[in-house]
Amino acid sequence: MERSWHYFIVLNDKERLGSLVEDAEVPEDGLPICVDLNVAISFPTPEELNEWVKDNTSLSLSAGDYHIEGHYL
């Protein structure tokens, strides 16, 4: 089995602290979240992750809405 780094979006707000983002934000439903690395969306690089966040959510890295966690899976 070949392993590689996977980068995840982890929320920082008090109500969802430590939750992982599962998919793109849906206007009527909000942001789907989970706590399982097998379900959460992941990216091969932090740059791709940040670009996806910019295009698909209202989260802001500079505002401290989320941080990036890397896991070698």
C-alpha atoms as a PDB file:
ATOM      1  CA  MET A   1       0.000   0.000   0.000  1.00  0.00           C
ATOM      2  CA  GLU A   2       1.426   3.354  -1.029  1.00  0.00           C
ATOM      3  CA  ARG A   3       1.144   6.096   1.581  1.00  0.00           C
ATOM      4  CA  SER A   4       1.017   9.829   0.985  1.00  0.00           C
ATOM      5  CA  TRP A   5       0.222  13.087   2.762  1.00  0.00           C
ATOM      6  CA  HIS A   6      -3.414  14.175   2.927  1.00  0.00           C
ATOM      7  CA  TYR A   7      -4.382  17.668   4.100  1.00  0.00           C
ATOM      8  CA  PHE A   8      -7.673  18.302   5.893  1.00  0.00           C
ATOM      9  CA  ILE A   9      -9.708  21.401   6.764  1.00  0.00           C
ATOM     10  CA  VAL A  10     -10.235  21.584  10.546  1.00  0.00           C
ATOM     11  CA  LEU A  11     -12.652  24.164  11.978  1.00  0.00           C
ATOM     12  CA  ASN A  12     -11.632  26.503  14.795  1.00  0.00           C
ATOM     13  CA  ASP A  13     -14.971  27.968  15.945  1.00  0.00           C
ATOM     14  CA  LYS A  14     -16.182  27.108  19.460  1.00  0.00           C
ATOM     15  CA  GLU A  15     -19.321  25.252  18.366  1.00  0.00           C
ATOM     16  CA  ARG A  16     -17.547  23.003  15.832  1.00  0.00           C
ATOM     17  CA  LEU A  17     -13.979  23.020  17.198  1.00  0.00           C
ATOM     18  CA  GLY A  18     -11.924  20.206  15.692  1.00  0.00           C
ATOM     19  CA  SER A  19     -14.592  19.144  13.203  1.00  0.00           C
ATOM     20  CA  LEU A  20     -13.433  18.252   9.713  1.00  0.00           C
ATOM     21  CA  VAL A  21     -15.033  19.637   6.560  1.00  0.00           C
ATOM     22  CA  GLU A  22     -16.753  16.925   4.556  1.00  0.00           C
ATOM     23  CA  ASP A  23     -17.800  18.779   1.409  1.00  0.00           C
ATOM     24  CA  ALA A  24     -18.654  22.157  -0.163  1.00  0.00           C
ATOM     25  CA  GLU A  25     -20.947  24.598   1.566  1.00  0.00           C
ATOM     26  CA  VAL A  26     -24.608  24.372   0.532  1.00  0.00           C
ATOM     27  CA  PRO A  27     -26.485  27.685   0.963  1.00  0.00           C
ATOM     28  CA  GLU A  28     -29.604  26.155   2.538  1.00  0.00           C
ATOM     29  CA  ASP A  29     -27.773  23.517   4.614  1.00  0.00           C
ATOM     30  CA  GLY A  30     -24.494  25.179   5.504  1.00  0.00           C
ATOM     31  CA  LEU A  31     -21.151  23.415   5.713  1.00  0.00           C
ATOM     32  CA  PRO A  32     -21.196  19.597   5.997  1.00  0.00           C
ATOM     33  CA  ILE A  33     -18.799  18.473   8.727  1.00  0.00           C
ATOM     34  CA  CYS A  34     -17.640  15.203  10.252  1.00  0.00           C
ATOM     35  CA  VAL A  35     -15.006  13.811  12.609  1.00  0.00           C
ATOM     36  CA  ASP A  36     -13.853  10.887  10.474  1.00  0.00           C
ATOM     37  CA  LEU A  37     -10.741  11.155   8.261  1.00  0.00           C
ATOM     38  CA  ASN A  38     -12.258   8.521   5.961  1.00  0.00           C
ATOM     39  CA  VAL A  39     -15.241  10.784   5.217  1.00  0.00           C
ATOM     40  CA  ALA A  40     -13.643  14.242   5.287  1.00  0.00           C
ATOM     41  CA  ILE A  41     -12.482  15.880   2.079  1.00  0.00           C
ATOM     42  CA  SER A  42      -8.705  15.883   1.697  1.00  0.00           C
ATOM     43  CA  PHE A  43      -6.172  17.425  -0.649  1.00  0.00           C
ATOM     44  CA  PRO A  44      -2.669  16.486  -1.840  1.00  0.00           C
ATOM     45  CA  THR A  45      -1.256  19.966  -1.031  1.00  0.00           C
ATOM     46  CA  PRO A  46      -2.135  22.820   1.336  1.00  0.00           C
ATOM     47  CA  GLU A  47      -2.274  25.179  -1.658  1.00  0.00           C
ATOM     48  CA  GLU A  48      -4.977  23.093  -3.347  1.00  0.00           C
ATOM     49  CA  LEU A  49      -6.865  22.937  -0.061  1.00  0.00           C
ATOM     50  CA  ASN A  50      -6.825  26.719   0.355  1.00  0.00           C
ATOM     51  CA  GLU A  51      -7.953  27.261  -3.242  1.00  0.00           C
ATOM     52  CA  TRP A  52     -10.851  24.840  -2.761  1.00  0.00           C
ATOM     53  CA  VAL A  53     -11.872  26.553   0.494  1.00  0.00           C
ATOM     54  CA  LYS A  54     -11.846  29.929  -1.267  1.00  0.00           C
ATOM     55  CA  ASP A  55     -14.023  28.605  -4.123  1.00  0.00           C
ATOM     56  CA  ASN A  56     -16.461  26.455  -2.115  1.00  0.00           C
ATOM     57  CA  THR A  57     -16.921  27.925   1.365  1.00  0.00           C
ATOM     58  CA  SER A  58     -17.182  31.195   3.244  1.00  0.00           C
ATOM     59  CA  LEU A  59     -14.297  30.220   5.564  1.00  0.00           C
ATOM     60  CA  SER A  60     -11.242  32.445   5.848  1.00  0.00           C
ATOM     61  CA  LEU A  61      -7.785  31.278   6.899  1.00  0.00           C
ATOM     62  CA  SER A  62      -6.716  34.842   7.752  1.00  0.00           C
ATOM     63  CA  ALA A  63      -9.755  35.217  10.057  1.00  0.00           C
ATOM     64  CA  GLY A  64      -8.788  31.994  11.845  1.00  0.00           C
ATOM     65  CA  ASP A  65     -11.917  30.092  10.787  1.00  0.00           C
ATOM     66  CA  TYR A  66      -9.928  26.926  10.120  1.00  0.00           C
ATOM     67  CA  HIS A  67      -6.487  25.387  10.149  1.00  0.00           C
ATOM     68  CA  ILE A  68      -4.871  22.680   8.058  1.00  0.00           C
ATOM     69  CA  GLU A  69      -3.918  19.282   9.413  1.00  0.00           C
ATOM     70  CA  GLY A  70      -1.686  16.920   7.486  1.00  0.00           C
ATOM     71  CA  HIS A  71      -1.871  13.160   7.942  1.00  0.00           C
ATOM     72  CA  TYR A  72       0.361  10.551   6.346  1.00  0.00           C
ATOM     73  CA  LEU A  73      -2.091   7.862   5.281  1.00  0.00           C
END
